[in-house]
PDB file of N, CA and C in Angstrom:
ATOM      1  N   MET A   1      18.851  -2.741  23.245  1.00  0.00           N
ATOM      2  CA  MET A   1      18.435  -1.630  22.417  1.00  0.00           C
ATOM      3  C   MET A   1      17.073  -1.129  22.878  1.00  0.00           C
ATOM      4  N   ASP A   2      16.950   0.162  22.982  1.00  0.00           N
ATOM      5  CA  ASP A   2      15.703   0.781  23.417  1.00  0.00           C
ATOM      6  C   ASP A   2      14.841   1.080  22.194  1.00  0.00           C
ATOM      7  N   ASN A   3      13.679   0.445  22.100  1.00  0.00           N
ATOM      8  CA  ASN A   3      12.795   0.638  20.946  1.00  0.00           C
ATOM      9  C   ASN A   3      11.713   1.671  21.216  1.00  0.00           C
ATOM     10  N   ASN A   4      11.994   2.615  22.055  1.00  0.00           N
ATOM     11  CA  ASN A   4      11.059   3.678  22.376  1.00  0.00           C
ATOM     12  C   ASN A   4      11.063   4.698  21.236  1.00  0.00           C
ATOM     13  N   ILE A   5       9.900   5.024  20.680  1.00  0.00           N
ATOM     14  CA  ILE A   5       9.848   5.952  19.551  1.00  0.00           C
ATOM     15  C   ILE A   5      10.281   7.360  19.938  1.00  0.00           C
ATOM     16  N   TYR A   6      10.278   7.654  21.234  1.00  0.00           N
ATOM     17  CA  TYR A   6      10.657   8.989  21.662  1.00  0.00           C
ATOM     18  C   TYR A   6      12.173   9.166  21.722  1.00  0.00           C
ATOM     19  N   THR A   7      12.915   8.066  21.751  1.00  0.00           N
ATOM     20  CA  THR A   7      14.373   8.180  21.809  1.00  0.00           C
ATOM     21  C   THR A   7      15.045   7.839  20.484  1.00  0.00           C
ATOM     22  N   LEU A   8      14.364   7.100  19.613  1.00  0.00           N
ATOM     23  CA  LEU A   8      14.945   6.776  18.314  1.00  0.00           C
ATOM     24  C   LEU A   8      14.721   7.926  17.343  1.00  0.00           C
ATOM     25  N   LYS A   9      15.727   8.237  16.560  1.00  0.00           N
ATOM     26  CA  LYS A   9      15.589   9.307  15.580  1.00  0.00           C
ATOM     27  C   LYS A   9      15.106   8.766  14.242  1.00  0.00           C
ATOM     28  N   ASP A  10      15.570   7.606  13.863  1.00  0.00           N
ATOM     29  CA  ASP A  10      15.181   7.030  12.583  1.00  0.00           C
ATOM     30  C   ASP A  10      14.626   5.637  12.833  1.00  0.00           C
ATOM     31  N   TYR A  11      13.310   5.530  12.860  1.00  0.00           N
ATOM     32  CA  TYR A  11      12.676   4.243  13.149  1.00  0.00           C
ATOM     33  C   TYR A  11      12.131   3.573  11.900  1.00  0.00           C
ATOM     34  N   GLY A  12      12.482   4.090  10.725  1.00  0.00           N
ATOM     35  CA  GLY A  12      12.075   3.476   9.476  1.00  0.00           C
ATOM     36  C   GLY A  12      10.753   4.024   8.984  1.00  0.00           C
ATOM     37  N   LYS A  13      10.243   3.409   7.928  1.00  0.00           N
ATOM     38  CA  LYS A  13       8.966   3.845   7.382  1.00  0.00           C
ATOM     39  C   LYS A  13       8.304   2.700   6.629  1.00  0.00           C
ATOM     40  N   LEU A  14       7.022   2.842   6.420  1.00  0.00           N
ATOM     41  CA  LEU A  14       6.288   1.906   5.577  1.00  0.00           C
ATOM     42  C   LEU A  14       6.260   2.465   4.161  1.00  0.00           C
ATOM     43  N   GLU A  15       6.524   1.609   3.209  1.00  0.00           N
ATOM     44  CA  GLU A  15       6.483   1.999   1.809  1.00  0.00           C
ATOM     45  C   GLU A  15       5.382   1.192   1.126  1.00  0.00           C
ATOM     46  N   ILE A  16       4.581   1.871   0.341  1.00  0.00           N
ATOM     47  CA  ILE A  16       3.509   1.208  -0.391  1.00  0.00           C
ATOM     48  C   ILE A  16       4.047   0.854  -1.776  1.00  0.00           C
ATOM     49  N   THR A  17       3.988  -0.413  -2.106  1.00  0.00           N
ATOM     50  CA  THR A  17       4.552  -0.890  -3.375  1.00  0.00           C
ATOM     51  C   THR A  17       3.455  -1.397  -4.317  1.00  0.00           C
ATOM     52  N   LEU A  18       2.325  -0.724  -4.299  1.00  0.00           N
ATOM     53  CA  LEU A  18       1.200  -1.106  -5.147  1.00  0.00           C
ATOM     54  C   LEU A  18       1.571  -1.020  -6.624  1.00  0.00           C
ATOM     55  N   LYS A  19       2.343  -0.025  -7.004  1.00  0.00           N
ATOM     56  CA  LYS A  19       2.747   0.136  -8.404  1.00  0.00           C
ATOM     57  C   LYS A  19       3.418  -1.136  -8.927  1.00  0.00           C
ATOM     58  N   GLU A  20       4.340  -1.670  -8.150  1.00  0.00           N
ATOM     59  CA  GLU A  20       5.056  -2.877  -8.563  1.00  0.00           C
ATOM     60  C   GLU A  20       4.111  -4.070  -8.709  1.00  0.00           C
ATOM     61  N   VAL A  21       3.168  -4.189  -7.793  1.00  0.00           N
ATOM     62  CA  VAL A  21       2.218  -5.307  -7.846  1.00  0.00           C
ATOM     63  C   VAL A  21       1.331  -5.188  -9.088  1.00  0.00           C
ATOM     64  N   LEU A  22       0.826  -3.978  -9.339  1.00  0.00           N
ATOM     65  CA  LEU A  22      -0.033  -3.785 -10.507  1.00  0.00           C
ATOM     66  C   LEU A  22       0.734  -4.008 -11.806  1.00  0.00           C
ATOM     67  N   ASP A  23       1.966  -3.513 -11.864  1.00  0.00           N
ATOM     68  CA  ASP A  23       2.785  -3.718 -13.062  1.00  0.00           C
ATOM     69  C   ASP A  23       3.054  -5.199 -13.304  1.00  0.00           C
ATOM     70  N   LYS A  24       3.367  -5.911 -12.247  1.00  0.00           N
ATOM     71  CA  LYS A  24       3.670  -7.339 -12.353  1.00  0.00           C
ATOM     72  C   LYS A  24       2.455  -8.135 -12.837  1.00  0.00           C
ATOM     73  N   LYS A  25       1.268  -7.730 -12.369  1.00  0.00           N
ATOM     74  CA  LYS A  25       0.044  -8.456 -12.732  1.00  0.00           C
ATOM     75  C   LYS A  25      -0.643  -7.852 -13.954  1.00  0.00           C
ATOM     76  N   ASP A  26      -0.053  -6.788 -14.503  1.00  0.00           N
ATOM     77  CA  ASP A  26      -0.589  -6.108 -15.688  1.00  0.00           C
ATOM     78  C   ASP A  26      -2.045  -5.684 -15.481  1.00  0.00           C
ATOM     79  N   ILE A  27      -2.273  -4.997 -14.353  1.00  0.00           N
ATOM     80  CA  ILE A  27      -3.593  -4.475 -14.015  1.00  0.00           C
ATOM     81  C   ILE A  27      -3.484  -2.961 -13.909  1.00  0.00           C
ATOM     82  N   SER A  28      -4.403  -2.249 -14.538  1.00  0.00           N
ATOM     83  CA  SER A  28      -4.374  -0.787 -14.497  1.00  0.00           C
ATOM     84  C   SER A  28      -4.995  -0.274 -13.200  1.00  0.00           C
ATOM     85  N   ARG A  29      -4.732   0.971 -12.899  1.00  0.00           N
ATOM     86  CA  ARG A  29      -5.347   1.597 -11.728  1.00  0.00           C
ATOM     87  C   ARG A  29      -6.855   1.676 -11.904  1.00  0.00           C
ATOM     88  N   ASN A  30      -7.307   1.965 -13.125  1.00  0.00           N
ATOM     89  CA  ASN A  30      -8.755   2.008 -13.384  1.00  0.00           C
ATOM     90  C   ASN A  30      -9.408   0.666 -13.113  1.00  0.00           C
ATOM     91  N   LYS A  31      -8.772  -0.396 -13.557  1.00  0.00           N
ATOM     92  CA  LYS A  31      -9.311  -1.740 -13.329  1.00  0.00           C
ATOM     93  C   LYS A  31      -9.374  -2.042 -11.833  1.00  0.00           C
ATOM     94  N   LEU A  32      -8.312  -1.668 -11.096  1.00  0.00           N
ATOM     95  CA  LEU A  32      -8.306  -1.900  -9.649  1.00  0.00           C
ATOM     96  C   LEU A  32      -9.426  -1.121  -8.975  1.00  0.00           C
ATOM     97  N   CYS A  33      -9.666   0.114  -9.415  1.00  0.00           N
ATOM     98  CA  CYS A  33     -10.771   0.912  -8.850  1.00  0.00           C
ATOM     99  C   CYS A  33     -12.090   0.163  -8.963  1.00  0.00           C
ATOM    100  N   THR A  34     -12.319  -0.411 -10.129  1.00  0.00           N
ATOM    101  CA  THR A  34     -13.545  -1.178 -10.356  1.00  0.00           C
ATOM    102  C   THR A  34     -13.572  -2.427  -9.484  1.00  0.00           C
ATOM    103  N   MET A  35     -12.447  -3.102  -9.374  1.00  0.00           N
ATOM    104  CA  MET A  35     -12.373  -4.352  -8.613  1.00  0.00           C
ATOM    105  C   MET A  35     -12.654  -4.149  -7.131  1.00  0.00           C
ATOM    106  N   ILE A  36     -12.203  -3.011  -6.571  1.00  0.00           N
ATOM    107  CA  ILE A  36     -12.334  -2.808  -5.121  1.00  0.00           C
ATOM    108  C   ILE A  36     -13.345  -1.722  -4.753  1.00  0.00           C
ATOM    109  N   ALA A  37     -14.037  -1.169  -5.756  1.00  0.00           N
ATOM    110  CA  ALA A  37     -15.116  -0.194  -5.549  1.00  0.00           C
ATOM    111  C   ALA A  37     -14.675   1.057  -4.789  1.00  0.00           C
ATOM    112  N   VAL A  38     -13.613   1.689  -5.288  1.00  0.00           N
ATOM    113  CA  VAL A  38     -13.163   2.974  -4.745  1.00  0.00           C
ATOM    114  C   VAL A  38     -12.888   3.914  -5.911  1.00  0.00           C
ATOM    115  N   ASN A  39     -12.719   5.203  -5.598  1.00  0.00           N
ATOM    116  CA  ASN A  39     -12.473   6.154  -6.677  1.00  0.00           C
ATOM    117  C   ASN A  39     -10.998   6.150  -7.105  1.00  0.00           C
ATOM    118  N   TYR A  40     -10.770   6.675  -8.288  1.00  0.00           N
ATOM    119  CA  TYR A  40      -9.434   6.669  -8.893  1.00  0.00           C
ATOM    120  C   TYR A  40      -8.419   7.432  -8.044  1.00  0.00           C
ATOM    121  N   ASP A  41      -8.834   8.567  -7.476  1.00  0.00           N
ATOM    122  CA  ASP A  41      -7.914   9.386  -6.679  1.00  0.00           C
ATOM    123  C   ASP A  41      -7.320   8.593  -5.517  1.00  0.00           C
ATOM    124  N   LEU A  42      -8.133   7.790  -4.870  1.00  0.00           N
ATOM    125  CA  LEU A  42      -7.646   6.987  -3.744  1.00  0.00           C
ATOM    126  C   LEU A  42      -6.606   5.965  -4.207  1.00  0.00           C
ATOM    127  N   VAL A  43      -6.912   5.229  -5.251  1.00  0.00           N
ATOM    128  CA  VAL A  43      -5.957   4.247  -5.776  1.00  0.00           C
ATOM    129  C   VAL A  43      -4.695   4.948  -6.247  1.00  0.00           C
ATOM    130  N   ASN A  44      -4.840   6.098  -6.863  1.00  0.00           N
ATOM    131  CA  ASN A  44      -3.680   6.843  -7.358  1.00  0.00           C
ATOM    132  C   ASN A  44      -2.748   7.257  -6.214  1.00  0.00           C
ATOM    133  N   ARG A  45      -3.317   7.642  -5.078  1.00  0.00           N
ATOM    134  CA  ARG A  45      -2.487   7.995  -3.916  1.00  0.00           C
ATOM    135  C   ARG A  45      -1.724   6.782  -3.395  1.00  0.00           C
ATOM    136  N   TYR A  46      -2.346   5.632  -3.353  1.00  0.00           N
ATOM    137  CA  TYR A  46      -1.638   4.407  -2.961  1.00  0.00           C
ATOM    138  C   TYR A  46      -0.583   4.053  -4.004  1.00  0.00           C
ATOM    139  N   TYR A  47      -0.917   4.194  -5.264  1.00  0.00           N
ATOM    140  CA  TYR A  47      -0.019   3.863  -6.375  1.00  0.00           C
ATOM    141  C   TYR A  47       1.270   4.687  -6.309  1.00  0.00           C
ATOM    142  N   HIS A  48       1.131   5.974  -5.965  1.00  0.00           N
ATOM    143  CA  HIS A  48       2.292   6.869  -5.898  1.00  0.00           C
ATOM    144  C   HIS A  48       2.882   6.989  -4.490  1.00  0.00           C
ATOM    145  N   ASN A  49       2.429   6.128  -3.573  1.00  0.00           N
ATOM    146  CA  ASN A  49       2.947   6.111  -2.199  1.00  0.00           C
ATOM    147  C   ASN A  49       2.776   7.475  -1.526  1.00  0.00           C
ATOM    148  N   ARG A  50       1.612   8.076  -1.694  1.00  0.00           N
ATOM    149  CA  ARG A  50       1.321   9.394  -1.120  1.00  0.00           C
ATOM    150  C   ARG A  50       0.184   9.345  -0.113  1.00  0.00           C
ATOM    151  N   VAL A  51       0.067   8.236   0.580  1.00  0.00           N
ATOM    152  CA  VAL A  51      -1.007   8.053   1.554  1.00  0.00           C
ATOM    153  C   VAL A  51      -0.505   8.484   2.927  1.00  0.00           C
ATOM    154  N   ILE A  52      -1.305   9.277   3.614  1.00  0.00           N
ATOM    155  CA  ILE A  52      -0.927   9.730   4.958  1.00  0.00           C
ATOM    156  C   ILE A  52      -1.359   8.702   5.997  1.00  0.00           C
ATOM    157  N   ARG A  53      -2.580   8.221   5.862  1.00  0.00           N
ATOM    158  CA  ARG A  53      -3.105   7.204   6.776  1.00  0.00           C
ATOM    159  C   ARG A  53      -3.572   6.012   5.961  1.00  0.00           C
ATOM    160  N   ILE A  54      -3.064   4.865   6.310  1.00  0.00           N
ATOM    161  CA  ILE A  54      -3.403   3.653   5.582  1.00  0.00           C
ATOM    162  C   ILE A  54      -4.715   3.096   6.115  1.00  0.00           C
ATOM    163  N   ASP A  55      -5.628   2.804   5.221  1.00  0.00           N
ATOM    164  CA  ASP A  55      -6.923   2.223   5.566  1.00  0.00           C
ATOM    165  C   ASP A  55      -6.809   0.704   5.406  1.00  0.00           C
ATOM    166  N   ILE A  56      -6.908  -0.018   6.514  1.00  0.00           N
ATOM    167  CA  ILE A  56      -6.712  -1.468   6.441  1.00  0.00           C
ATOM    168  C   ILE A  56      -7.808  -2.164   5.640  1.00  0.00           C
ATOM    169  N   ASP A  57      -8.995  -1.575   5.572  1.00  0.00           N
ATOM    170  CA  ASP A  57     -10.048  -2.148   4.743  1.00  0.00           C
ATOM    171  C   ASP A  57      -9.662  -2.052   3.263  1.00  0.00           C
ATOM    172  N   ILE A  58      -9.103  -0.944   2.854  1.00  0.00           N
ATOM    173  CA  ILE A  58      -8.668  -0.768   1.465  1.00  0.00           C
ATOM    174  C   ILE A  58      -7.537  -1.739   1.151  1.00  0.00           C
ATOM    175  N   ILE A  59      -6.585  -1.881   2.062  1.00  0.00           N
ATOM    176  CA  ILE A  59      -5.478  -2.822   1.853  1.00  0.00           C
ATOM    177  C   ILE A  59      -6.026  -4.245   1.739  1.00  0.00           C
ATOM    178  N   ALA A  60      -6.994  -4.591   2.579  1.00  0.00           N
ATOM    179  CA  ALA A  60      -7.592  -5.931   2.524  1.00  0.00           C
ATOM    180  C   ALA A  60      -8.289  -6.161   1.187  1.00  0.00           C
ATOM    181  N   ARG A  61      -9.011  -5.162   0.698  1.00  0.00           N
ATOM    182  CA  ARG A  61      -9.672  -5.286  -0.602  1.00  0.00           C
ATOM    183  C   ARG A  61      -8.647  -5.479  -1.719  1.00  0.00           C
ATOM    184  N   MET A  62      -7.563  -4.700  -1.653  1.00  0.00           N
ATOM    185  CA  MET A  62      -6.505  -4.816  -2.657  1.00  0.00           C
ATOM    186  C   MET A  62      -5.903  -6.219  -2.649  1.00  0.00           C
ATOM    187  N   CYS A  63      -5.611  -6.722  -1.463  1.00  0.00           N
ATOM    188  CA  CYS A  63      -5.028  -8.060  -1.350  1.00  0.00           C
ATOM    189  C   CYS A  63      -5.972  -9.120  -1.903  1.00  0.00           C
ATOM    190  N   PHE A  64      -7.251  -8.995  -1.603  1.00  0.00           N
ATOM    191  CA  PHE A  64      -8.236  -9.954  -2.104  1.00  0.00           C
ATOM    192  C   PHE A  64      -8.326  -9.883  -3.634  1.00  0.00           C
ATOM    193  N   ALA A  65      -8.473  -8.671  -4.163  1.00  0.00           N
ATOM    194  CA  ALA A  65      -8.649  -8.490  -5.610  1.00  0.00           C
ATOM    195  C   ALA A  65      -7.400  -8.876  -6.391  1.00  0.00           C
ATOM    196  N   LEU A  66      -6.227  -8.590  -5.830  1.00  0.00           N
ATOM    197  CA  LEU A  66      -4.969  -8.866  -6.526  1.00  0.00           C
ATOM    198  C   LEU A  66      -4.402 -10.249  -6.190  1.00  0.00           C
ATOM    199  N   ASP A  67      -5.084 -10.962  -5.303  1.00  0.00           N
ATOM    200  CA  ASP A  67      -4.628 -12.288  -4.869  1.00  0.00           C
ATOM    201  C   ASP A  67      -3.172 -12.238  -4.404  1.00  0.00           C
ATOM    202  N   CYS A  68      -2.939 -11.365  -3.429  1.00  0.00           N
ATOM    203  CA  CYS A  68      -1.584 -11.208  -2.895  1.00  0.00           C
ATOM    204  C   CYS A  68      -1.648 -11.047  -1.380  1.00  0.00           C
ATOM    205  N   ASP A  69      -0.498 -10.968  -0.743  1.00  0.00           N
ATOM    206  CA  ASP A  69      -0.408 -10.770   0.699  1.00  0.00           C
ATOM    207  C   ASP A  69      -0.137  -9.306   1.014  1.00  0.00           C
ATOM    208  N   VAL A  70      -0.393  -8.925   2.252  1.00  0.00           N
ATOM    209  CA  VAL A  70      -0.136  -7.556   2.695  1.00  0.00           C
ATOM    210  C   VAL A  70       1.325  -7.175   2.446  1.00  0.00           C
ATOM    211  N   ASN A  71       2.236  -8.111   2.702  1.00  0.00           N
ATOM    212  CA  ASN A  71       3.655  -7.776   2.539  1.00  0.00           C
ATOM    213  C   ASN A  71       4.044  -7.611   1.069  1.00  0.00           C
ATOM    214  N   ASP A  72       3.148  -7.906   0.146  1.00  0.00           N
ATOM    215  CA  ASP A  72       3.398  -7.589  -1.260  1.00  0.00           C
ATOM    216  C   ASP A  72       3.124  -6.124  -1.549  1.00  0.00           C
ATOM    217  N   ILE A  73       2.236  -5.512  -0.766  1.00  0.00           N
ATOM    218  CA  ILE A  73       1.828  -4.121  -0.978  1.00  0.00           C
ATOM    219  C   ILE A  73       2.514  -3.172  -0.007  1.00  0.00           C
ATOM    220  N   LEU A  74       2.773  -3.630   1.215  1.00  0.00           N
ATOM    221  CA  LEU A  74       3.414  -2.785   2.230  1.00  0.00           C
ATOM    222  C   LEU A  74       4.780  -3.359   2.574  1.00  0.00           C
ATOM    223  N   LYS A  75       5.782  -2.491   2.573  1.00  0.00           N
ATOM    224  CA  LYS A  75       7.157  -2.899   2.948  1.00  0.00           C
ATOM    225  C   LYS A  75       7.638  -1.980   4.072  1.00  0.00           C
ATOM    226  N   TYR A  76       8.276  -2.575   5.056  1.00  0.00           N
ATOM    227  CA  TYR A  76       8.896  -1.792   6.119  1.00  0.00           C
ATOM    228  C   TYR A  76      10.361  -1.577   5.747  1.00  0.00           C
ATOM    229  N   ARG A  77      10.752  -0.328   5.719  1.00  0.00           N
ATOM    230  CA  ARG A  77      12.148   0.034   5.394  1.00  0.00           C
ATOM    231  C   ARG A  77      12.799   0.642   6.637  1.00  0.00           C
ATOM    232  N   LYS A  78      13.896   0.041   7.054  1.00  0.00           N
ATOM    233  CA  LYS A  78      14.626   0.586   8.219  1.00  0.00           C
ATOM    234  C   LYS A  78      15.393   1.823   7.852  1.00  0.00           C
TER     235      LYS A  78
END
């Protein structure tokens, strides 16, 4: 199988599942903003999976504050 991005039409996508993590841990978006020192708009974009470019520093802060792994927040969907 050729894994060249120029020849594949559907190579999958990354899905941000922050909403599920916050719901499971019963943490609000406002609380997360305070925990990781970012503004509400940024957390809201991650919460609604509307991020164009993922900031690995923000993901690292989220993982630290929520005591979870990256694969709890980011999912690869084929």
